[in-house]
C-alpha atoms as a PDB file:
ATOM      1  CA  MET A   1       0.000   0.000   0.000  1.00  0.00           C
ATOM      2  CA  LEU A   2       3.039   2.286   0.110  1.00  0.00           C
ATOM      3  CA  GLY A   3       2.492   5.277  -2.148  1.00  0.00           C
ATOM      4  CA  GLY A   4      -1.180   4.471  -2.645  1.00  0.00           C
ATOM      5  CA  HIS A   5      -4.136   6.624  -1.705  1.00  0.00           C
ATOM      6  CA  PRO A   6      -5.150   6.290   1.991  1.00  0.00           C
ATOM      7  CA  GLN A   7      -8.615   5.209   0.850  1.00  0.00           C
ATOM      8  CA  GLU A   8      -7.089   1.982  -0.488  1.00  0.00           C
ATOM      9  CA  ILE A   9      -6.056   1.039   3.050  1.00  0.00           C
ATOM     10  CA  ILE A  10      -9.552   1.742   4.383  1.00  0.00           C
ATOM     11  CA  ASN A  11     -11.097  -0.311   1.581  1.00  0.00           C
ATOM     12  CA  THR A  12      -8.830  -3.287   2.207  1.00  0.00           C
ATOM     13  CA  GLN A  13      -8.782  -3.296   6.002  1.00  0.00           C
ATOM     14  CA  GLY A  14     -12.306  -2.033   6.618  1.00  0.00           C
ATOM     15  CA  VAL A  15     -14.681  -2.852   3.786  1.00  0.00           C
ATOM     16  CA  ASP A  16     -13.131  -6.073   2.480  1.00  0.00           C
ATOM     17  CA  GLY A  17     -12.950  -7.554   5.969  1.00  0.00           C
ATOM     18  CA  ALA A  18     -16.518  -6.642   6.914  1.00  0.00           C
ATOM     19  CA  ASP A  19     -19.532  -8.951   6.872  1.00  0.00           C
ATOM     20  CA  ILE A  20     -22.122  -6.148   7.139  1.00  0.00           C
ATOM     21  CA  VAL A  21     -21.705  -2.464   6.287  1.00  0.00           C
ATOM     22  CA  VAL A  22     -23.681   0.269   8.067  1.00  0.00           C
ATOM     23  CA  ALA A  23     -23.189   3.952   7.174  1.00  0.00           C
ATOM     24  CA  LEU A  24     -24.627   6.942   9.033  1.00  0.00           C
ATOM     25  CA  PHE A  25     -25.081  10.391   7.499  1.00  0.00           C
ATOM     26  CA  GLY A  26     -25.786  13.737   9.128  1.00  0.00           C
ATOM     27  CA  SER A  27     -25.110  16.797   6.969  1.00  0.00           C
ATOM     28  CA  ARG A  28     -21.868  15.785   5.211  1.00  0.00           C
ATOM     29  CA  LEU A  29     -21.039  13.356   2.409  1.00  0.00           C
ATOM     30  CA  GLY A  30     -17.271  13.344   2.945  1.00  0.00           C
ATOM     31  CA  SER A  31     -14.083  14.159   1.056  1.00  0.00           C
ATOM     32  CA  PRO A  32     -13.617  13.079  -2.575  1.00  0.00           C
ATOM     33  CA  THR A  33     -11.248  10.300  -3.638  1.00  0.00           C
ATOM     34  CA  PRO A  34      -9.726   9.577  -7.062  1.00  0.00           C
ATOM     35  CA  ASP A  35     -12.564   7.117  -7.770  1.00  0.00           C
ATOM     36  CA  ALA A  36     -15.678   8.541  -6.071  1.00  0.00           C
ATOM     37  CA  VAL A  37     -17.357  11.705  -4.825  1.00  0.00           C
ATOM     38  CA  SER A  38     -16.345  10.717  -1.290  1.00  0.00           C
ATOM     39  CA  GLY A  39     -14.487   8.004   0.572  1.00  0.00           C
ATOM     40  CA  THR A  40     -17.709   6.860   2.206  1.00  0.00           C
ATOM     41  CA  VAL A  41     -19.448   6.511  -1.160  1.00  0.00           C
ATOM     42  CA  GLU A  42     -16.493   4.520  -2.490  1.00  0.00           C
ATOM     43  CA  GLU A  43     -16.691   2.166   0.495  1.00  0.00           C
ATOM     44  CA  ILE A  44     -20.443   1.712   0.032  1.00  0.00           C
ATOM     45  CA  GLU A  45     -20.161   0.927  -3.670  1.00  0.00           C
ATOM     46  CA  ARG A  46     -17.292  -1.480  -3.020  1.00  0.00           C
ATOM     47  CA  ALA A  47     -19.366  -3.325  -0.423  1.00  0.00           C
ATOM     48  CA  VAL A  48     -22.454  -3.452  -2.659  1.00  0.00           C
ATOM     49  CA  ASN A  49     -20.436  -4.734  -5.622  1.00  0.00           C
ATOM     50  CA  SER A  50     -18.954  -7.498  -3.462  1.00  0.00           C
ATOM     51  CA  GLY A  51     -22.419  -8.662  -2.384  1.00  0.00           C
ATOM     52  CA  LYS A  52     -22.221  -7.578   1.258  1.00  0.00           C
ATOM     53  CA  PRO A  53     -25.354  -6.399   3.103  1.00  0.00           C
ATOM     54  CA  VAL A  54     -25.300  -2.582   3.136  1.00  0.00           C
ATOM     55  CA  HIS A  55     -27.542  -0.247   5.136  1.00  0.00           C
ATOM     56  CA  LEU A  56     -27.461   3.557   4.984  1.00  0.00           C
ATOM     57  CA  PHE A  57     -29.198   5.717   7.568  1.00  0.00           C
ATOM     58  CA  PHE A  58     -29.803   9.456   7.120  1.00  0.00           C
ATOM     59  CA  SER A  59     -30.504  11.779  10.032  1.00  0.00           C
ATOM     60  CA  ARG A  60     -33.595  13.993   9.980  1.00  0.00           C
ATOM     61  CA  ALA A  61     -32.363  16.009  12.981  1.00  0.00           C
ATOM     62  CA  PRO A  62     -32.162  19.821  12.653  1.00  0.00           C
ATOM     63  CA  LEU A  63     -29.111  20.956  10.704  1.00  0.00           C
ATOM     64  CA  PRO A  64     -26.263  22.760  12.503  1.00  0.00           C
ATOM     65  CA  HIS A  65     -26.061  26.537  12.044  1.00  0.00           C
ATOM     66  CA  ASP A  66     -22.625  26.257  10.422  1.00  0.00           C
ATOM     67  CA  VAL A  67     -23.642  23.538   7.959  1.00  0.00           C
ATOM     68  CA  ASP A  68     -21.432  23.215   4.877  1.00  0.00           C
ATOM     69  CA  THR A  69     -23.930  23.886   2.075  1.00  0.00           C
ATOM     70  CA  ALA A  70     -21.762  22.238  -0.593  1.00  0.00           C
ATOM     71  CA  GLN A  71     -21.492  19.075   1.502  1.00  0.00           C
ATOM     72  CA  LEU A  72     -25.223  19.153   2.204  1.00  0.00           C
ATOM     73  CA  GLU A  73     -26.056  19.462  -1.490  1.00  0.00           C
ATOM     74  CA  GLY A  74     -23.740  16.568  -2.324  1.00  0.00           C
ATOM     75  CA  LEU A  75     -25.338  14.453   0.389  1.00  0.00           C
ATOM     76  CA  ARG A  76     -28.843  15.173  -0.896  1.00  0.00           C
ATOM     77  CA  ASN A  77     -27.832  14.324  -4.458  1.00  0.00           C
ATOM     78  CA  PHE A  78     -26.341  11.032  -3.286  1.00  0.00           C
ATOM     79  CA  LYS A  79     -29.461  10.243  -1.266  1.00  0.00           C
ATOM     80  CA  ASN A  80     -31.666  10.823  -4.306  1.00  0.00           C
ATOM     81  CA  GLU A  81     -29.440   8.575  -6.424  1.00  0.00           C
ATOM     82  CA  ILE A  82     -29.667   5.600  -4.071  1.00  0.00           C
ATOM     83  CA  LYS A  83     -33.286   6.055  -2.994  1.00  0.00           C
ATOM     84  CA  GLU A  84     -34.664   3.640  -5.574  1.00  0.00           C
ATOM     85  CA  ARG A  85     -32.026   1.044  -4.663  1.00  0.00           C
ATOM     86  CA  GLY A  86     -33.688   0.592  -1.268  1.00  0.00           C
ATOM     87  CA  LEU A  87     -30.478   0.880   0.741  1.00  0.00           C
ATOM     88  CA  LEU A  88     -31.505   3.799   2.892  1.00  0.00           C
ATOM     89  CA  GLY A  89     -33.422   4.452   6.068  1.00  0.00           C
ATOM     90  CA  GLU A  90     -34.024   7.645   8.041  1.00  0.00           C
ATOM     91  CA  PHE A  91     -33.997   8.425  11.750  1.00  0.00           C
ATOM     92  CA  ASP A  92     -35.010  11.283  14.031  1.00  0.00           C
ATOM     93  CA  ASP A  93     -33.113  10.286  17.165  1.00  0.00           C
ATOM     94  CA  ILE A  94     -30.681   7.746  18.604  1.00  0.00           C
ATOM     95  CA  ARG A  95     -33.442   5.436  19.862  1.00  0.00           C
ATOM     96  CA  GLN A  96     -34.981   5.152  16.425  1.00  0.00           C
ATOM     97  CA  LEU A  97     -31.570   4.638  14.834  1.00  0.00           C
ATOM     98  CA  GLU A  98     -30.717   1.899  17.332  1.00  0.00           C
ATOM     99  CA  ASN A  99     -33.943   0.037  16.571  1.00  0.00           C
ATOM    100  CA  GLN A 100     -33.388   0.215  12.820  1.00  0.00           C
ATOM    101  CA  VAL A 101     -29.754  -0.880  12.970  1.00  0.00           C
ATOM    102  CA  TRP A 102     -30.549  -3.829  15.232  1.00  0.00           C
ATOM    103  CA  ALA A 103     -33.409  -4.922  12.968  1.00  0.00           C
ATOM    104  CA  ALA A 104     -31.165  -4.768   9.897  1.00  0.00           C
ATOM    105  CA  VAL A 105     -28.198  -6.529  11.506  1.00  0.00           C
ATOM    106  CA  GLU A 106     -30.305  -9.279  13.085  1.00  0.00           C
ATOM    107  CA  HIS A 107     -31.863  -9.954   9.693  1.00  0.00           C
ATOM    108  CA  ASP A 108     -28.450 -10.091   8.025  1.00  0.00           C
ATOM    109  CA  LEU A 109     -27.001 -12.427  10.658  1.00  0.00           C
ATOM    110  CA  VAL A 110     -29.761 -14.937   9.999  1.00  0.00           C
ATOM    111  CA  LYS A 111     -29.337 -14.596   6.259  1.00  0.00           C
ATOM    112  CA  ILE A 112     -25.553 -14.989   6.103  1.00  0.00           C
ATOM    113  CA  ASP A 113     -25.515 -17.368   9.116  1.00  0.00           C
ATOM    114  CA  LEU A 114     -22.080 -16.592  10.539  1.00  0.00           C
ATOM    115  CA  SER A 115     -22.388 -19.080  13.391  1.00  0.00           C
ATOM    116  CA  VAL A 116     -23.399 -22.253  11.570  1.00  0.00           C
ATOM    117  CA  VAL A 117     -21.653 -23.384   8.409  1.00  0.00           C
ATOM    118  CA  GLY A 118     -23.628 -25.355   5.850  1.00  0.00           C
ATOM    119  CA  VAL A 119     -27.094 -24.695   7.303  1.00  0.00           C
ATOM    120  CA  ARG A 120     -29.580 -23.438   4.732  1.00  0.00           C
ATOM    121  CA  HIS A 121     -32.731 -21.529   5.611  1.00  0.00           C
ATOM    122  CA  GLU A 122     -35.960 -21.717   3.676  1.00  0.00           C
ATOM    123  CA  PRO A 123     -36.507 -18.443   1.784  1.00  0.00           C
ATOM    124  CA  LEU A 124     -39.099 -16.117   3.282  1.00  0.00           C
ATOM    125  CA  GLY A 125     -39.669 -13.857   0.298  1.00  0.00           C
ATOM    126  CA  VAL A 126     -40.989 -10.355   0.962  1.00  0.00           C
ATOM    127  CA  ARG A 127     -42.674  -9.796   4.317  1.00  0.00           C
ATOM    128  CA  PHE A 128     -43.844  -6.477   5.686  1.00  0.00           C
ATOM    129  CA  ARG A 129     -44.396  -5.191   9.188  1.00  0.00           C
ATOM    130  CA  VAL A 130     -46.280  -1.894   9.553  1.00  0.00           C
ATOM    131  CA  GLU A 131     -46.283   0.090  12.794  1.00  0.00           C
ATOM    132  CA  SER A 132     -48.193   3.299  13.478  1.00  0.00           C
ATOM    133  CA  LYS A 133     -46.096   5.984  15.190  1.00  0.00           C
ATOM    134  CA  SER A 134     -46.750   9.484  16.518  1.00  0.00           C
ATOM    135  CA  GLU A 135     -44.812  12.158  18.346  1.00  0.00           C
ATOM    136  CA  ARG A 136     -45.819  15.467  19.905  1.00  0.00           C
ATOM    137  CA  HIS A 137     -43.680  18.470  18.983  1.00  0.00           C
ATOM    138  CA  GLU A 138     -43.519  22.034  20.211  1.00  0.00           C
ATOM    139  CA  LYS A 139     -44.824  24.156  17.328  1.00  0.00           C
ATOM    140  CA  GLU A 140     -44.692  27.771  18.497  1.00  0.00           C
ATOM    141  CA  ILE A 141     -45.280  30.150  21.391  1.00  0.00           C
ATOM    142  CA  ASP A 142     -48.298  32.436  21.082  1.00  0.00           C
ATOM    143  CA  LYS A 143     -48.478  36.111  22.076  1.00  0.00           C
ATOM    144  CA  ARG A 144     -49.450  35.167  25.624  1.00  0.00           C
ATOM    145  CA  GLY A 145     -46.375  32.981  25.999  1.00  0.00           C
ATOM    146  CA  LYS A 146     -48.321  29.747  25.802  1.00  0.00           C
ATOM    147  CA  ILE A 147     -46.666  26.850  24.011  1.00  0.00           C
ATOM    148  CA  LYS A 148     -48.621  25.329  21.148  1.00  0.00           C
ATOM    149  CA  TYR A 149     -48.022  21.745  20.123  1.00  0.00           C
ATOM    150  CA  GLU A 150     -48.631  19.616  17.064  1.00  0.00           C
ATOM    151  CA  THR A 151     -48.629  15.855  16.702  1.00  0.00           C
ATOM    152  CA  LYS A 152     -46.864  14.242  13.777  1.00  0.00           C
ATOM    153  CA  HIS A 153     -47.962  10.802  12.609  1.00  0.00           C
ATOM    154  CA  TRP A 154     -46.190   8.265  10.443  1.00  0.00           C
ATOM    155  CA  PHE A 155     -46.005   4.574   9.602  1.00  0.00           C
ATOM    156  CA  GLU A 156     -42.820   2.550   9.823  1.00  0.00           C
ATOM    157  CA  VAL A 157     -42.845  -0.078   7.084  1.00  0.00           C
ATOM    158  CA  THR A 158     -40.209  -2.803   7.493  1.00  0.00           C
ATOM    159  CA  ASN A 159     -39.312  -5.529   5.033  1.00  0.00           C
ATOM    160  CA  THR A 160     -38.755  -8.408   7.465  1.00  0.00           C
ATOM    161  CA  GLY A 161     -38.313 -10.953   4.679  1.00  0.00           C
ATOM    162  CA  ASP A 162     -35.185 -12.007   2.824  1.00  0.00           C
ATOM    163  CA  LEU A 163     -36.036 -10.713  -0.650  1.00  0.00           C
ATOM    164  CA  ALA A 164     -36.070  -7.138  -1.929  1.00  0.00           C
ATOM    165  CA  ALA A 165     -39.523  -5.671  -2.549  1.00  0.00           C
ATOM    166  CA  GLU A 166     -39.447  -3.768  -5.831  1.00  0.00           C
ATOM    167  CA  ALA A 167     -41.673  -0.965  -7.141  1.00  0.00           C
ATOM    168  CA  VAL A 168     -43.104  -0.362  -3.660  1.00  0.00           C
ATOM    169  CA  THR A 169     -45.923   2.180  -3.347  1.00  0.00           C
ATOM    170  CA  PHE A 170     -48.365   3.016  -0.562  1.00  0.00           C
ATOM    171  CA  GLU A 171     -52.093   3.693  -0.469  1.00  0.00           C
ATOM    172  CA  GLY A 172     -54.095   4.953   2.499  1.00  0.00           C
ATOM    173  CA  GLN A 173     -57.793   4.409   3.183  1.00  0.00           C
ATOM    174  CA  ALA A 174     -60.150   5.572   5.926  1.00  0.00           C
ATOM    175  CA  ALA A 175     -63.685   4.415   6.741  1.00  0.00           C
ATOM    176  CA  SER A 176     -64.534   7.960   7.829  1.00  0.00           C
ATOM    177  CA  GLY A 177     -62.728  11.277   7.790  1.00  0.00           C
ATOM    178  CA  LEU A 178     -59.635  12.060   5.754  1.00  0.00           C
ATOM    179  CA  MET A 179     -56.288  10.268   5.733  1.00  0.00           C
ATOM    180  CA  ARG A 180     -53.523  11.603   3.473  1.00  0.00           C
ATOM    181  CA  LEU A 181     -50.107  10.033   2.927  1.00  0.00           C
ATOM    182  CA  LEU A 182     -47.410  12.711   2.680  1.00  0.00           C
ATOM    183  CA  VAL A 183     -45.284  10.878   0.121  1.00  0.00           C
ATOM    184  CA  ASP A 184     -44.792  11.136  -3.620  1.00  0.00           C
ATOM    185  CA  ASP A 185     -45.881   8.440  -6.059  1.00  0.00           C
ATOM    186  CA  GLN A 186     -42.335   7.446  -7.014  1.00  0.00           C
ATOM    187  CA  PRO A 187     -41.917   3.668  -6.492  1.00  0.00           C
ATOM    188  CA  ILE A 188     -39.050   2.583  -4.253  1.00  0.00           C
ATOM    189  CA  THR A 189     -37.171  -0.631  -3.529  1.00  0.00           C
ATOM    190  CA  LEU A 190     -37.113  -1.940   0.035  1.00  0.00           C
ATOM    191  CA  GLU A 191     -34.236  -4.284   0.741  1.00  0.00           C
ATOM    192  CA  PRO A 192     -34.555  -6.835   3.576  1.00  0.00           C
ATOM    193  CA  GLY A 193     -34.210  -5.217   6.992  1.00  0.00           C
ATOM    194  CA  VAL A 194     -34.880  -1.682   5.727  1.00  0.00           C
ATOM    195  CA  ILE A 195     -37.399   0.495   7.582  1.00  0.00           C
ATOM    196  CA  TRP A 196     -39.233   3.130   5.535  1.00  0.00           C
ATOM    197  CA  LYS A 197     -41.034   6.068   7.131  1.00  0.00           C
ATOM    198  CA  VAL A 198     -44.383   7.067   5.592  1.00  0.00           C
ATOM    199  CA  PRO A 199     -45.661  10.405   7.002  1.00  0.00           C
ATOM    200  CA  VAL A 200     -49.445  10.731   7.255  1.00  0.00           C
ATOM    201  CA  SER A 201     -51.970  13.395   8.240  1.00  0.00           C
ATOM    202  CA  TYR A 202     -55.525  12.951   9.525  1.00  0.00           C
ATOM    203  CA  SER A 203     -58.595  15.138   9.742  1.00  0.00           C
ATOM    204  CA  MET A 204     -60.582  15.315  12.969  1.00  0.00           C
ATOM    205  CA  GLY A 205     -62.682  12.216  13.574  1.00  0.00           C
ATOM    206  CA  THR A 206     -60.829   9.979  11.136  1.00  0.00           C
ATOM    207  CA  ALA A 207     -61.454   6.293  11.868  1.00  0.00           C
ATOM    208  CA  GLY A 208     -61.031   2.864  10.312  1.00  0.00           C
ATOM    209  CA  THR A 209     -57.652   3.650   8.760  1.00  0.00           C
ATOM    210  CA  LYS A 210     -55.736   1.152   6.634  1.00  0.00           C
ATOM    211  CA  LEU A 211     -52.439   1.189   4.763  1.00  0.00           C
ATOM    212  CA  THR A 212     -52.031  -0.897   1.621  1.00  0.00           C
ATOM    213  CA  VAL A 213     -48.526  -1.738   0.437  1.00  0.00           C
ATOM    214  CA  HIS A 214     -48.122  -2.570  -3.248  1.00  0.00           C
ATOM    215  CA  TRP A 215     -44.931  -4.167  -4.555  1.00  0.00           C
ATOM    216  CA  VAL A 216     -43.407  -6.467  -7.168  1.00  0.00           C
ATOM    217  CA  GLU A 217     -41.930  -9.801  -6.091  1.00  0.00           C
ATOM    218  CA  ASP A 218     -40.429 -12.265  -8.570  1.00  0.00           C
ATOM    219  CA  ASN A 219     -41.915 -10.162 -11.393  1.00  0.00           C
ATOM    220  CA  GLU A 220     -45.427 -10.505  -9.947  1.00  0.00           C
ATOM    221  CA  LYS A 221     -47.497  -7.650  -8.523  1.00  0.00           C
ATOM    222  CA  GLN A 222     -48.418  -8.100  -4.865  1.00  0.00           C
ATOM    223  CA  SER A 223     -50.317  -6.091  -2.270  1.00  0.00           C
ATOM    224  CA  LYS A 224     -51.237  -6.354   1.387  1.00  0.00           C
ATOM    225  CA  THR A 225     -53.479  -4.185   3.551  1.00  0.00           C
ATOM    226  CA  PHE A 226     -52.750  -3.433   7.210  1.00  0.00           C
ATOM    227  CA  ASP A 227     -55.083  -2.002   9.859  1.00  0.00           C
ATOM    228  CA  VAL A 228     -53.266   1.039  11.231  1.00  0.00           C
ATOM    229  CA  GLN A 229     -55.922   2.642  13.447  1.00  0.00           C
END
């Protein structure tokens, strides 16, 4: 490695020796290398090309006041590029990140079976778990100094199977009231172990809510509806 780029050492000692690759992003993409827009991106692509499980998690926390706008733009461009590949998840806090990483790693450990050599598991295919989540946030302080709050709602959709779900889209229904999914119609790919956040808004009195997940598995269209009241 003498005379080579330092990234070559990281690739050989870090990426090539890893069984699972997890990358976390805040507001920076990283420094460029001779072969990629950043060292982190080069490591990710190297791991993907070698067939290793790869999971990327992007923070939704407030940006720092001194954020590097060029780095932030590069990060957003990279995120848009990989979105359809189903490698990414998002998190608001450490607790949520911990849950997502554990879910992804536990899935990968079963799939690659590091502890038992020669044991084969029956394929599961695509399997989804949908959980309804909500969190109360401080919105503003009125003229009388009283704090006003708002509640944000979302669904966490996890592919708990061992096969990527392709062309995934979501559809919301309500028996009464209004339920609106705050997502675009662009299909995504959800790799095994990935958790996808689907923001949702409700009108007053909404009841009987359901979320339908549509996807393609083995070139066949599939769908499943979940009660998410």
